[in-house]
Amino acid sequence: MRLKLDENMPESLVESLEGLGHDVHTVPEEQLQGAPDAEVFRAAQAEARFLVTQDLDFSDTRQYAPGTHQGILLVRLINPSRRMLRSYVERLFIEQDVGSWERCFVVATDTKIRVRRP
């Protein structure tokens, strides 16, 4: 899966997700830190990448309707420390059929995963 990690995701995820066979780019490595959400979104779409973020601005499914993009994973944890985020996202990509999430809007919390399909 082609992924783009937002700046609010741990850089340490790159190595672990690449180790699982994913092609991972990050917002910081593309000098998009602090860029408007629309610019980050356009960059992800231009590269056909699934965006992984904690940014609630991407939760507006009217603006980011499933099927109109490569996919968005919004991670919402009660304790979003870097260590907890890395562990949780790694576990998601190991245990879930994330390939089926392409073009979907996915919200993953401590207690559930909701997938909105096109």
PDB file of N, CA and C in Angstrom:
ATOM      1  N   MET A   1       0.855  -1.173   0.000  1.00  0.00           N
ATOM      2  CA  MET A   1       0.000   0.000   0.000  1.00  0.00           C
ATOM      3  C   MET A   1       0.901   1.237   0.000  1.00  0.00           C
ATOM      4  N   ARG A   2       0.507   2.236  -0.755  1.00  0.00           N
ATOM      5  CA  ARG A   2       1.241   3.504  -0.805  1.00  0.00           C
ATOM      6  C   ARG A   2       0.662   4.427   0.265  1.00  0.00           C
ATOM      7  N   LEU A   3       1.506   4.832   1.222  1.00  0.00           N
ATOM      8  CA  LEU A   3       1.052   5.603   2.376  1.00  0.00           C
ATOM      9  C   LEU A   3       1.737   6.960   2.449  1.00  0.00           C
ATOM     10  N   LYS A   4       1.024   7.930   3.024  1.00  0.00           N
ATOM     11  CA  LYS A   4       1.628   9.213   3.402  1.00  0.00           C
ATOM     12  C   LYS A   4       1.298   9.429   4.874  1.00  0.00           C
ATOM     13  N   LEU A   5       2.333   9.559   5.699  1.00  0.00           N
ATOM     14  CA  LEU A   5       2.147   9.820   7.123  1.00  0.00           C
ATOM     15  C   LEU A   5       2.145  11.321   7.353  1.00  0.00           C
ATOM     16  N   ASP A   6       1.113  11.811   8.006  1.00  0.00           N
ATOM     17  CA  ASP A   6       1.027  13.225   8.347  1.00  0.00           C
ATOM     18  C   ASP A   6       2.098  13.561   9.382  1.00  0.00           C
ATOM     19  N   GLU A   7       2.353  14.834   9.565  1.00  0.00           N
ATOM     20  CA  GLU A   7       3.410  15.265  10.482  1.00  0.00           C
ATOM     21  C   GLU A   7       3.110  14.913  11.935  1.00  0.00           C
ATOM     22  N   ASN A   8       1.857  14.594  12.258  1.00  0.00           N
ATOM     23  CA  ASN A   8       1.496  14.258  13.633  1.00  0.00           C
ATOM     24  C   ASN A   8       1.616  12.759  13.928  1.00  0.00           C
ATOM     25  N   MET A   9       2.191  12.015  12.991  1.00  0.00           N
ATOM     26  CA  MET A   9       2.433  10.584  13.191  1.00  0.00           C
ATOM     27  C   MET A   9       3.930  10.367  13.453  1.00  0.00           C
ATOM     28  N   PRO A  10       4.283   9.397  14.281  1.00  0.00           N
ATOM     29  CA  PRO A  10       5.695   9.164  14.608  1.00  0.00           C
ATOM     30  C   PRO A  10       6.513   8.762  13.383  1.00  0.00           C
ATOM     31  N   GLU A  11       7.671   9.394  13.219  1.00  0.00           N
ATOM     32  CA  GLU A  11       8.593   9.053  12.128  1.00  0.00           C
ATOM     33  C   GLU A  11       9.012   7.588  12.208  1.00  0.00           C
ATOM     34  N   SER A  12       9.033   7.046  13.420  1.00  0.00           N
ATOM     35  CA  SER A  12       9.463   5.657  13.609  1.00  0.00           C
ATOM     36  C   SER A  12       8.531   4.661  12.922  1.00  0.00           C
ATOM     37  N   LEU A  13       7.347   5.106  12.536  1.00  0.00           N
ATOM     38  CA  LEU A  13       6.419   4.226  11.821  1.00  0.00           C
ATOM     39  C   LEU A  13       6.910   3.892  10.418  1.00  0.00           C
ATOM     40  N   VAL A  14       7.715   4.774   9.842  1.00  0.00           N
ATOM     41  CA  VAL A  14       8.185   4.553   8.470  1.00  0.00           C
ATOM     42  C   VAL A  14       8.871   3.199   8.354  1.00  0.00           C
ATOM     43  N   GLU A  15       9.844   2.967   9.205  1.00  0.00           N
ATOM     44  CA  GLU A  15      10.612   1.721   9.141  1.00  0.00           C
ATOM     45  C   GLU A  15       9.726   0.497   9.351  1.00  0.00           C
ATOM     46  N   SER A  16       8.849   0.560  10.351  1.00  0.00           N
ATOM     47  CA  SER A  16       8.020  -0.616  10.634  1.00  0.00           C
ATOM     48  C   SER A  16       7.011  -0.878   9.515  1.00  0.00           C
ATOM     49  N   LEU A  17       6.414   0.170   8.961  1.00  0.00           N
ATOM     50  CA  LEU A  17       5.444  -0.029   7.879  1.00  0.00           C
ATOM     51  C   LEU A  17       6.139  -0.470   6.590  1.00  0.00           C
ATOM     52  N   GLU A  18       7.316   0.060   6.329  1.00  0.00           N
ATOM     53  CA  GLU A  18       8.078  -0.409   5.169  1.00  0.00           C
ATOM     54  C   GLU A  18       8.467  -1.872   5.350  1.00  0.00           C
ATOM     55  N   GLY A  19       8.757  -2.246   6.589  1.00  0.00           N
ATOM     56  CA  GLY A  19       9.073  -3.637   6.891  1.00  0.00           C
ATOM     57  C   GLY A  19       7.908  -4.581   6.629  1.00  0.00           C
ATOM     58  N   LEU A  20       6.696  -4.028   6.639  1.00  0.00           N
ATOM     59  CA  LEU A  20       5.503  -4.822   6.336  1.00  0.00           C
ATOM     60  C   LEU A  20       5.173  -4.784   4.841  1.00  0.00           C
ATOM     61  N   GLY A  21       6.046  -4.120   4.070  1.00  0.00           N
ATOM     62  CA  GLY A  21       5.861  -4.109   2.619  1.00  0.00           C
ATOM     63  C   GLY A  21       5.183  -2.889   2.036  1.00  0.00           C
ATOM     64  N   HIS A  22       4.971  -1.854   2.850  1.00  0.00           N
ATOM     65  CA  HIS A  22       4.299  -0.651   2.379  1.00  0.00           C
ATOM     66  C   HIS A  22       5.321   0.374   1.861  1.00  0.00           C
ATOM     67  N   ASP A  23       4.884   1.196   0.933  1.00  0.00           N
ATOM     68  CA  ASP A  23       5.692   2.285   0.386  1.00  0.00           C
ATOM     69  C   ASP A  23       5.264   3.538   1.144  1.00  0.00           C
ATOM     70  N   VAL A  24       6.158   4.075   1.979  1.00  0.00           N
ATOM     71  CA  VAL A  24       5.786   5.138   2.915  1.00  0.00           C
ATOM     72  C   VAL A  24       6.528   6.436   2.632  1.00  0.00           C
ATOM     73  N   HIS A  25       5.780   7.516   2.484  1.00  0.00           N
ATOM     74  CA  HIS A  25       6.324   8.876   2.433  1.00  0.00           C
ATOM     75  C   HIS A  25       5.779   9.626   3.635  1.00  0.00           C
ATOM     76  N   THR A  26       6.494  10.688   4.049  1.00  0.00           N
ATOM     77  CA  THR A  26       6.015  11.481   5.176  1.00  0.00           C
ATOM     78  C   THR A  26       5.905  12.945   4.786  1.00  0.00           C
ATOM     79  N   VAL A  27       5.026  13.646   5.470  1.00  0.00           N
ATOM     80  CA  VAL A  27       4.862  15.081   5.269  1.00  0.00           C
ATOM     81  C   VAL A  27       6.176  15.815   5.563  1.00  0.00           C
ATOM     82  N   PRO A  28       6.884  15.521   6.654  1.00  0.00           N
ATOM     83  CA  PRO A  28       8.135  16.231   6.916  1.00  0.00           C
ATOM     84  C   PRO A  28       9.201  16.034   5.832  1.00  0.00           C
ATOM     85  N   GLU A  29       9.342  14.820   5.323  1.00  0.00           N
ATOM     86  CA  GLU A  29      10.386  14.596   4.320  1.00  0.00           C
ATOM     87  C   GLU A  29      10.082  15.309   3.009  1.00  0.00           C
ATOM     88  N   GLU A  30       8.836  15.704   2.822  1.00  0.00           N
ATOM     89  CA  GLU A  30       8.450  16.425   1.602  1.00  0.00           C
ATOM     90  C   GLU A  30       8.322  17.929   1.868  1.00  0.00           C
ATOM     91  N   GLN A  31       8.841  18.375   3.000  1.00  0.00           N
ATOM     92  CA  GLN A  31       8.815  19.789   3.390  1.00  0.00           C
ATOM     93  C   GLN A  31       7.390  20.371   3.378  1.00  0.00           C
ATOM     94  N   LEU A  32       6.437  19.584   3.854  1.00  0.00           N
ATOM     95  CA  LEU A  32       5.051  20.042   3.940  1.00  0.00           C
ATOM     96  C   LEU A  32       4.620  20.309   5.379  1.00  0.00           C
ATOM     97  N   GLN A  33       5.571  20.293   6.317  1.00  0.00           N
ATOM     98  CA  GLN A  33       5.225  20.573   7.710  1.00  0.00           C
ATOM     99  C   GLN A  33       4.615  21.969   7.808  1.00  0.00           C
ATOM    100  N   GLY A  34       3.497  22.065   8.496  1.00  0.00           N
ATOM    101  CA  GLY A  34       2.832  23.346   8.678  1.00  0.00           C
ATOM    102  C   GLY A  34       2.022  23.787   7.474  1.00  0.00           C
ATOM    103  N   ALA A  35       2.035  23.002   6.403  1.00  0.00           N
ATOM    104  CA  ALA A  35       1.259  23.351   5.207  1.00  0.00           C
ATOM    105  C   ALA A  35      -0.232  23.189   5.505  1.00  0.00           C
ATOM    106  N   PRO A  36      -1.066  23.942   4.806  1.00  0.00           N
ATOM    107  CA  PRO A  36      -2.516  23.773   4.987  1.00  0.00           C
ATOM    108  C   PRO A  36      -2.943  22.333   4.676  1.00  0.00           C
ATOM    109  N   ASP A  37      -3.990  21.887   5.341  1.00  0.00           N
ATOM    110  CA  ASP A  37      -4.485  20.526   5.134  1.00  0.00           C
ATOM    111  C   ASP A  37      -4.769  20.248   3.665  1.00  0.00           C
ATOM    112  N   ALA A  38      -5.326  21.219   2.969  1.00  0.00           N
ATOM    113  CA  ALA A  38      -5.656  21.032   1.550  1.00  0.00           C
ATOM    114  C   ALA A  38      -4.403  20.706   0.736  1.00  0.00           C
ATOM    115  N   GLU A  39      -3.284  21.320   1.090  1.00  0.00           N
ATOM    116  CA  GLU A  39      -2.041  21.071   0.373  1.00  0.00           C
ATOM    117  C   GLU A  39      -1.510  19.666   0.667  1.00  0.00           C
ATOM    118  N   VAL A  40      -1.595  19.250   1.922  1.00  0.00           N
ATOM    119  CA  VAL A  40      -1.174  17.902   2.303  1.00  0.00           C
ATOM    120  C   VAL A  40      -2.058  16.875   1.593  1.00  0.00           C
ATOM    121  N   PHE A  41      -3.341  17.122   1.572  1.00  0.00           N
ATOM    122  CA  PHE A  41      -4.287  16.222   0.912  1.00  0.00           C
ATOM    123  C   PHE A  41      -3.987  16.129  -0.587  1.00  0.00           C
ATOM    124  N   ARG A  42      -3.768  17.272  -1.229  1.00  0.00           N
ATOM    125  CA  ARG A  42      -3.458  17.272  -2.668  1.00  0.00           C
ATOM    126  C   ARG A  42      -2.180  16.490  -2.954  1.00  0.00           C
ATOM    127  N   ALA A  43      -1.181  16.654  -2.106  1.00  0.00           N
ATOM    128  CA  ALA A  43       0.079  15.924  -2.298  1.00  0.00           C
ATOM    129  C   ALA A  43      -0.149  14.418  -2.192  1.00  0.00           C
ATOM    130  N   ALA A  44      -0.939  13.999  -1.214  1.00  0.00           N
ATOM    131  CA  ALA A  44      -1.230  12.568  -1.052  1.00  0.00           C
ATOM    132  C   ALA A  44      -1.971  12.037  -2.278  1.00  0.00           C
ATOM    133  N   GLN A  45      -2.927  12.801  -2.774  1.00  0.00           N
ATOM    134  CA  GLN A  45      -3.710  12.349  -3.919  1.00  0.00           C
ATOM    135  C   GLN A  45      -2.889  12.345  -5.206  1.00  0.00           C
ATOM    136  N   ALA A  46      -2.037  13.340  -5.364  1.00  0.00           N
ATOM    137  CA  ALA A  46      -1.194  13.417  -6.570  1.00  0.00           C
ATOM    138  C   ALA A  46      -0.263  12.207  -6.667  1.00  0.00           C
ATOM    139  N   GLU A  47       0.106  11.660  -5.507  1.00  0.00           N
ATOM    140  CA  GLU A  47       0.993  10.495  -5.464  1.00  0.00           C
ATOM    141  C   GLU A  47       0.216   9.194  -5.270  1.00  0.00           C
ATOM    142  N   ALA A  48      -1.120   9.284  -5.288  1.00  0.00           N
ATOM    143  CA  ALA A  48      -1.985   8.109  -5.071  1.00  0.00           C
ATOM    144  C   ALA A  48      -1.627   7.406  -3.765  1.00  0.00           C
ATOM    145  N   ARG A  49      -1.578   8.187  -2.673  1.00  0.00           N
ATOM    146  CA  ARG A  49      -1.216   7.650  -1.365  1.00  0.00           C
ATOM    147  C   ARG A  49      -2.382   7.744  -0.379  1.00  0.00           C
ATOM    148  N   PHE A  50      -2.479   6.736   0.471  1.00  0.00           N
ATOM    149  CA  PHE A  50      -3.444   6.654   1.565  1.00  0.00           C
ATOM    150  C   PHE A  50      -2.882   7.484   2.717  1.00  0.00           C
ATOM    151  N   LEU A  51      -3.641   8.454   3.186  1.00  0.00           N
ATOM    152  CA  LEU A  51      -3.182   9.375   4.223  1.00  0.00           C
ATOM    153  C   LEU A  51      -3.472   8.829   5.616  1.00  0.00           C
ATOM    154  N   VAL A  52      -2.447   8.816   6.480  1.00  0.00           N
ATOM    155  CA  VAL A  52      -2.586   8.389   7.872  1.00  0.00           C
ATOM    156  C   VAL A  52      -2.332   9.619   8.735  1.00  0.00           C
ATOM    157  N   THR A  53      -3.328   9.982   9.568  1.00  0.00           N
ATOM    158  CA  THR A  53      -3.262  11.237  10.309  1.00  0.00           C
ATOM    159  C   THR A  53      -4.001  11.148  11.635  1.00  0.00           C
ATOM    160  N   GLN A  54      -3.765  12.150  12.481  1.00  0.00           N
ATOM    161  CA  GLN A  54      -4.566  12.362  13.695  1.00  0.00           C
ATOM    162  C   GLN A  54      -5.384  13.643  13.570  1.00  0.00           C
ATOM    163  N   ASP A  55      -5.257  14.331  12.472  1.00  0.00           N
ATOM    164  CA  ASP A  55      -5.844  15.655  12.277  1.00  0.00           C
ATOM    165  C   ASP A  55      -7.355  15.567  12.047  1.00  0.00           C
ATOM    166  N   LEU A  56      -8.115  16.075  13.000  1.00  0.00           N
ATOM    167  CA  LEU A  56      -9.580  16.031  12.913  1.00  0.00           C
ATOM    168  C   LEU A  56     -10.148  16.817  11.734  1.00  0.00           C
ATOM    169  N   ASP A  57      -9.371  17.726  11.164  1.00  0.00           N
ATOM    170  CA  ASP A  57      -9.856  18.463   9.998  1.00  0.00           C
ATOM    171  C   ASP A  57     -10.164  17.525   8.835  1.00  0.00           C
ATOM    172  N   PHE A  58      -9.538  16.358   8.815  1.00  0.00           N
ATOM    173  CA  PHE A  58      -9.803  15.394   7.752  1.00  0.00           C
ATOM    174  C   PHE A  58     -11.033  14.532   8.033  1.00  0.00           C
ATOM    175  N   SER A  59     -11.730  14.781   9.128  1.00  0.00           N
ATOM    176  CA  SER A  59     -12.898  13.968   9.471  1.00  0.00           C
ATOM    177  C   SER A  59     -14.183  14.437   8.793  1.00  0.00           C
ATOM    178  N   ASP A  60     -14.145  15.544   8.074  1.00  0.00           N
ATOM    179  CA  ASP A  60     -15.330  16.055   7.377  1.00  0.00           C
ATOM    180  C   ASP A  60     -15.572  15.226   6.118  1.00  0.00           C
ATOM    181  N   THR A  61     -16.478  14.247   6.224  1.00  0.00           N
ATOM    182  CA  THR A  61     -16.717  13.352   5.095  1.00  0.00           C
ATOM    183  C   THR A  61     -17.506  14.024   3.973  1.00  0.00           C
ATOM    184  N   ARG A  62     -17.991  15.225   4.201  1.00  0.00           N
ATOM    185  CA  ARG A  62     -18.589  15.964   3.073  1.00  0.00           C
ATOM    186  C   ARG A  62     -17.474  16.477   2.178  1.00  0.00           C
ATOM    187  N   GLN A  63     -16.392  16.915   2.791  1.00  0.00           N
ATOM    188  CA  GLN A  63     -15.252  17.416   2.029  1.00  0.00           C
ATOM    189  C   GLN A  63     -14.353  16.280   1.545  1.00  0.00           C
ATOM    190  N   TYR A  64     -14.230  15.235   2.356  1.00  0.00           N
ATOM    191  CA  TYR A  64     -13.368  14.100   2.031  1.00  0.00           C
ATOM    192  C   TYR A  64     -14.217  12.839   1.932  1.00  0.00           C
ATOM    193  N   ALA A  65     -15.168  12.855   1.029  1.00  0.00           N
ATOM    194  CA  ALA A  65     -16.116  11.750   0.874  1.00  0.00           C
ATOM    195  C   ALA A  65     -15.405  10.474   0.425  1.00  0.00           C
ATOM    196  N   PRO A  66     -15.754   9.346   1.038  1.00  0.00           N
ATOM    197  CA  PRO A  66     -15.169   8.082   0.600  1.00  0.00           C
ATOM    198  C   PRO A  66     -15.384   7.902  -0.906  1.00  0.00           C
ATOM    199  N   GLY A  67     -14.357   7.387  -1.560  1.00  0.00           N
ATOM    200  CA  GLY A  67     -14.428   7.174  -2.997  1.00  0.00           C
ATOM    201  C   GLY A  67     -13.866   8.321  -3.813  1.00  0.00           C
ATOM    202  N   THR A  68     -13.656   9.484  -3.173  1.00  0.00           N
ATOM    203  CA  THR A  68     -13.125  10.643  -3.892  1.00  0.00           C
ATOM    204  C   THR A  68     -11.635  10.840  -3.637  1.00  0.00           C
ATOM    205  N   HIS A  69     -11.023   9.910  -2.927  1.00  0.00           N
ATOM    206  CA  HIS A  69      -9.601   9.990  -2.588  1.00  0.00           C
ATOM    207  C   HIS A  69      -9.048   8.584  -2.428  1.00  0.00           C
ATOM    208  N   GLN A  70      -7.744   8.484  -2.231  1.00  0.00           N
ATOM    209  CA  GLN A  70      -7.076   7.183  -2.089  1.00  0.00           C
ATOM    210  C   GLN A  70      -7.382   6.523  -0.755  1.00  0.00           C
ATOM    211  N   GLY A  71      -7.843   7.304   0.208  1.00  0.00           N
ATOM    212  CA  GLY A  71      -8.171   6.774   1.522  1.00  0.00           C
ATOM    213  C   GLY A  71      -7.549   7.608   2.621  1.00  0.00           C
ATOM    214  N   ILE A  72      -8.247   7.643   3.754  1.00  0.00           N
ATOM    215  CA  ILE A  72      -7.780   8.380   4.927  1.00  0.00           C
ATOM    216  C   ILE A  72      -7.991   7.499   6.153  1.00  0.00           C
ATOM    217  N   LEU A  73      -6.946   7.368   6.951  1.00  0.00           N
ATOM    218  CA  LEU A  73      -7.046   6.714   8.261  1.00  0.00           C
ATOM    219  C   LEU A  73      -6.864   7.795   9.307  1.00  0.00           C
ATOM    220  N   LEU A  74      -7.904   8.047  10.081  1.00  0.00           N
ATOM    221  CA  LEU A  74      -7.871   9.012  11.171  1.00  0.00           C
ATOM    222  C   LEU A  74      -7.723   8.226  12.467  1.00  0.00           C
ATOM    223  N   VAL A  75      -6.592   8.404  13.143  1.00  0.00           N
ATOM    224  CA  VAL A  75      -6.299   7.684  14.380  1.00  0.00           C
ATOM    225  C   VAL A  75      -6.641   8.591  15.555  1.00  0.00           C
ATOM    226  N   ARG A  76      -7.509   8.105  16.440  1.00  0.00           N
ATOM    227  CA  ARG A  76      -7.961   8.882  17.601  1.00  0.00           C
ATOM    228  C   ARG A  76      -7.802   8.038  18.857  1.00  0.00           C
ATOM    229  N   LEU A  77      -6.695   8.215  19.553  1.00  0.00           N
ATOM    230  CA  LEU A  77      -6.437   7.477  20.783  1.00  0.00           C
ATOM    231  C   LEU A  77      -6.603   8.379  21.998  1.00  0.00           C
ATOM    232  N   ILE A  78      -6.993   7.795  23.116  1.00  0.00           N
ATOM    233  CA  ILE A  78      -7.129   8.554  24.358  1.00  0.00           C
ATOM    234  C   ILE A  78      -5.767   9.074  24.804  1.00  0.00           C
ATOM    235  N   ASN A  79      -4.737   8.218  24.695  1.00  0.00           N
ATOM    236  CA  ASN A  79      -3.373   8.601  25.071  1.00  0.00           C
ATOM    237  C   ASN A  79      -2.488   8.490  23.824  1.00  0.00           C
ATOM    238  N   PRO A  80      -2.449   9.537  22.999  1.00  0.00           N
ATOM    239  CA  PRO A  80      -1.707   9.434  21.734  1.00  0.00           C
ATOM    240  C   PRO A  80      -0.214   9.756  21.850  1.00  0.00           C
ATOM    241  N   SER A  81       0.461   9.128  22.790  1.00  0.00           N
ATOM    242  CA  SER A  81       1.911   9.326  22.869  1.00  0.00           C
ATOM    243  C   SER A  81       2.537   8.710  21.621  1.00  0.00           C
ATOM    244  N   ARG A  82       3.762   9.101  21.318  1.00  0.00           N
ATOM    245  CA  ARG A  82       4.452   8.566  20.141  1.00  0.00           C
ATOM    246  C   ARG A  82       4.543   7.040  20.214  1.00  0.00           C
ATOM    247  N   ARG A  83       4.872   6.531  21.379  1.00  0.00           N
ATOM    248  CA  ARG A  83       5.001   5.081  21.553  1.00  0.00           C
ATOM    249  C   ARG A  83       3.670   4.362  21.346  1.00  0.00           C
ATOM    250  N   MET A  84       2.608   4.911  21.917  1.00  0.00           N
ATOM    251  CA  MET A  84       1.283   4.300  21.773  1.00  0.00           C
ATOM    252  C   MET A  84       0.808   4.365  20.324  1.00  0.00           C
ATOM    253  N   LEU A  85       1.031   5.498  19.667  1.00  0.00           N
ATOM    254  CA  LEU A  85       0.643   5.630  18.257  1.00  0.00           C
ATOM    255  C   LEU A  85       1.356   4.604  17.395  1.00  0.00           C
ATOM    256  N   ARG A  86       2.669   4.511  17.586  1.00  0.00           N
ATOM    257  CA  ARG A  86       3.427   3.556  16.773  1.00  0.00           C
ATOM    258  C   ARG A  86       2.912   2.140  16.985  1.00  0.00           C
ATOM    259  N   SER A  87       2.767   1.753  18.231  1.00  0.00           N
ATOM    260  CA  SER A  87       2.311   0.409  18.549  1.00  0.00           C
ATOM    261  C   SER A  87       0.925   0.134  17.964  1.00  0.00           C
ATOM    262  N   TYR A  88       0.035   1.084  18.136  1.00  0.00           N
ATOM    263  CA  TYR A  88      -1.349   0.902  17.671  1.00  0.00           C
ATOM    264  C   TYR A  88      -1.415   0.806  16.144  1.00  0.00           C
ATOM    265  N   VAL A  89      -0.751   1.716  15.452  1.00  0.00           N
ATOM    266  CA  VAL A  89      -0.803   1.709  13.986  1.00  0.00           C
ATOM    267  C   VAL A  89      -0.105   0.473  13.427  1.00  0.00           C
ATOM    268  N   GLU A  90       1.006   0.085  14.010  1.00  0.00           N
ATOM    269  CA  GLU A  90       1.665  -1.159  13.586  1.00  0.00           C
ATOM    270  C   GLU A  90       0.710  -2.335  13.707  1.00  0.00           C
ATOM    271  N   ARG A  91       0.043  -2.419  14.848  1.00  0.00           N
ATOM    272  CA  ARG A  91      -0.903  -3.518  15.093  1.00  0.00           C
ATOM    273  C   ARG A  91      -2.038  -3.501  14.070  1.00  0.00           C
ATOM    274  N   LEU A  92      -2.555  -2.306  13.755  1.00  0.00           N
ATOM    275  CA  LEU A  92      -3.606  -2.200  12.742  1.00  0.00           C
ATOM    276  C   LEU A  92      -3.140  -2.778  11.409  1.00  0.00           C
ATOM    277  N   PHE A  93      -1.932  -2.381  10.990  1.00  0.00           N
ATOM    278  CA  PHE A  93      -1.437  -2.812   9.693  1.00  0.00           C
ATOM    279  C   PHE A  93      -1.032  -4.278   9.663  1.00  0.00           C
ATOM    280  N   ILE A  94      -0.860  -4.891  10.821  1.00  0.00           N
ATOM    281  CA  ILE A  94      -0.584  -6.326  10.899  1.00  0.00           C
ATOM    282  C   ILE A  94      -1.887  -7.116  10.967  1.00  0.00           C
ATOM    283  N   GLU A  95      -2.822  -6.679  11.799  1.00  0.00           N
ATOM    284  CA  GLU A  95      -4.020  -7.463  12.095  1.00  0.00           C
ATOM    285  C   GLU A  95      -5.210  -7.201  11.177  1.00  0.00           C
ATOM    286  N   GLN A  96      -5.277  -6.031  10.576  1.00  0.00           N
ATOM    287  CA  GLN A  96      -6.443  -5.679   9.757  1.00  0.00           C
ATOM    288  C   GLN A  96      -6.147  -5.836   8.268  1.00  0.00           C
ATOM    289  N   ASP A  97      -7.186  -6.002   7.485  1.00  0.00           N
ATOM    290  CA  ASP A  97      -7.057  -6.053   6.031  1.00  0.00           C
ATOM    291  C   ASP A  97      -7.054  -4.623   5.510  1.00  0.00           C
ATOM    292  N   VAL A  98      -5.945  -3.926   5.728  1.00  0.00           N
ATOM    293  CA  VAL A  98      -5.868  -2.508   5.378  1.00  0.00           C
ATOM    294  C   VAL A  98      -5.976  -2.271   3.876  1.00  0.00           C
ATOM    295  N   GLY A  99      -5.633  -3.253   3.080  1.00  0.00           N
ATOM    296  CA  GLY A  99      -5.774  -3.115   1.628  1.00  0.00           C
ATOM    297  C   GLY A  99      -7.211  -2.867   1.220  1.00  0.00           C
ATOM    298  N   SER A 100      -8.151  -3.368   2.001  1.00  0.00           N
ATOM    299  CA  SER A 100      -9.575  -3.170   1.695  1.00  0.00           C
ATOM    300  C   SER A 100     -10.046  -1.765   2.061  1.00  0.00           C
ATOM    301  N   TRP A 101      -9.167  -0.986   2.706  1.00  0.00           N
ATOM    302  CA  TRP A 101      -9.513   0.378   3.118  1.00  0.00           C
ATOM    303  C   TRP A 101      -9.243   1.413   2.038  1.00  0.00           C
ATOM    304  N   GLU A 102      -8.639   1.017   0.923  1.00  0.00           N
ATOM    305  CA  GLU A 102      -8.353   1.993  -0.120  1.00  0.00           C
ATOM    306  C   GLU A 102      -9.645   2.668  -0.558  1.00  0.00           C
ATOM    307  N   ARG A 103      -9.559   3.992  -0.732  1.00  0.00           N
ATOM    308  CA  ARG A 103     -10.681   4.849  -1.145  1.00  0.00           C
ATOM    309  C   ARG A 103     -11.759   4.990  -0.057  1.00  0.00           C
ATOM    310  N   CYS A 104     -11.440   4.544   1.170  1.00  0.00           N
ATOM    311  CA  CYS A 104     -12.376   4.627   2.295  1.00  0.00           C
ATOM    312  C   CYS A 104     -11.929   5.699   3.284  1.00  0.00           C
ATOM    313  N   PHE A 105     -12.860   6.064   4.162  1.00  0.00           N
ATOM    314  CA  PHE A 105     -12.544   6.919   5.300  1.00  0.00           C
ATOM    315  C   PHE A 105     -12.629   6.025   6.529  1.00  0.00           C
ATOM    316  N   VAL A 106     -11.520   5.905   7.260  1.00  0.00           N
ATOM    317  CA  VAL A 106     -11.439   4.986   8.389  1.00  0.00           C
ATOM    318  C   VAL A 106     -11.100   5.766   9.657  1.00  0.00           C
ATOM    319  N   VAL A 107     -11.856   5.511  10.714  1.00  0.00           N
ATOM    320  CA  VAL A 107     -11.554   6.086  12.019  1.00  0.00           C
ATOM    321  C   VAL A 107     -11.210   4.929  12.945  1.00  0.00           C
ATOM    322  N   ALA A 108     -10.015   4.985  13.524  1.00  0.00           N
ATOM    323  CA  ALA A 108      -9.577   3.939  14.443  1.00  0.00           C
ATOM    324  C   ALA A 108      -9.378   4.561  15.823  1.00  0.00           C
ATOM    325  N   THR A 109     -10.114   4.046  16.802  1.00  0.00           N
ATOM    326  CA  THR A 109     -10.012   4.522  18.173  1.00  0.00           C
ATOM    327  C   THR A 109      -9.491   3.385  19.050  1.00  0.00           C
ATOM    328  N   ASP A 110      -9.378   3.652  20.327  1.00  0.00           N
ATOM    329  CA  ASP A 110      -8.926   2.625  21.269  1.00  0.00           C
ATOM    330  C   ASP A 110      -9.863   1.422  21.290  1.00  0.00           C
ATOM    331  N   THR A 111     -11.122   1.639  20.999  1.00  0.00           N
ATOM    332  CA  THR A 111     -12.108   0.574  21.165  1.00  0.00           C
ATOM    333  C   THR A 111     -12.746   0.057  19.884  1.00  0.00           C
ATOM    334  N   LYS A 112     -12.616   0.785  18.768  1.00  0.00           N
ATOM    335  CA  LYS A 112     -13.253   0.286  17.544  1.00  0.00           C
ATOM    336  C   LYS A 112     -12.634   0.895  16.296  1.00  0.00           C
ATOM    337  N   ILE A 113     -12.988   0.271  15.176  1.00  0.00           N
ATOM    338  CA  ILE A 113     -12.568   0.752  13.863  1.00  0.00           C
ATOM    339  C   ILE A 113     -13.833   0.908  13.039  1.00  0.00           C
ATOM    340  N   ARG A 114     -14.031   2.110  12.494  1.00  0.00           N
ATOM    341  CA  ARG A 114     -15.188   2.361  11.628  1.00  0.00           C
ATOM    342  C   ARG A 114     -14.674   2.633  10.230  1.00  0.00           C
ATOM    343  N   VAL A 115     -15.237   1.933   9.265  1.00  0.00           N
ATOM    344  CA  VAL A 115     -14.835   2.091   7.868  1.00  0.00           C
ATOM    345  C   VAL A 115     -16.037   2.577   7.080  1.00  0.00           C
ATOM    346  N   ARG A 116     -15.880   3.761   6.477  1.00  0.00           N
ATOM    347  CA  ARG A 116     -16.922   4.293   5.577  1.00  0.00           C
ATOM    348  C   ARG A 116     -16.447   4.052   4.158  1.00  0.00           C
ATOM    349  N   ARG A 117     -17.189   3.237   3.453  1.00  0.00           N
ATOM    350  CA  ARG A 117     -16.832   2.849   2.095  1.00  0.00           C
ATOM    351  C   ARG A 117     -17.553   3.718   1.060  1.00  0.00           C
ATOM    352  N   PRO A 118     -16.985   3.771  -0.153  1.00  0.00           N
ATOM    353  CA  PRO A 118     -17.640   4.556  -1.216  1.00  0.00           C
ATOM    354  C   PRO A 118     -18.996   3.962  -1.580  1.00  0.00           C
TER     355      PRO A 118
END
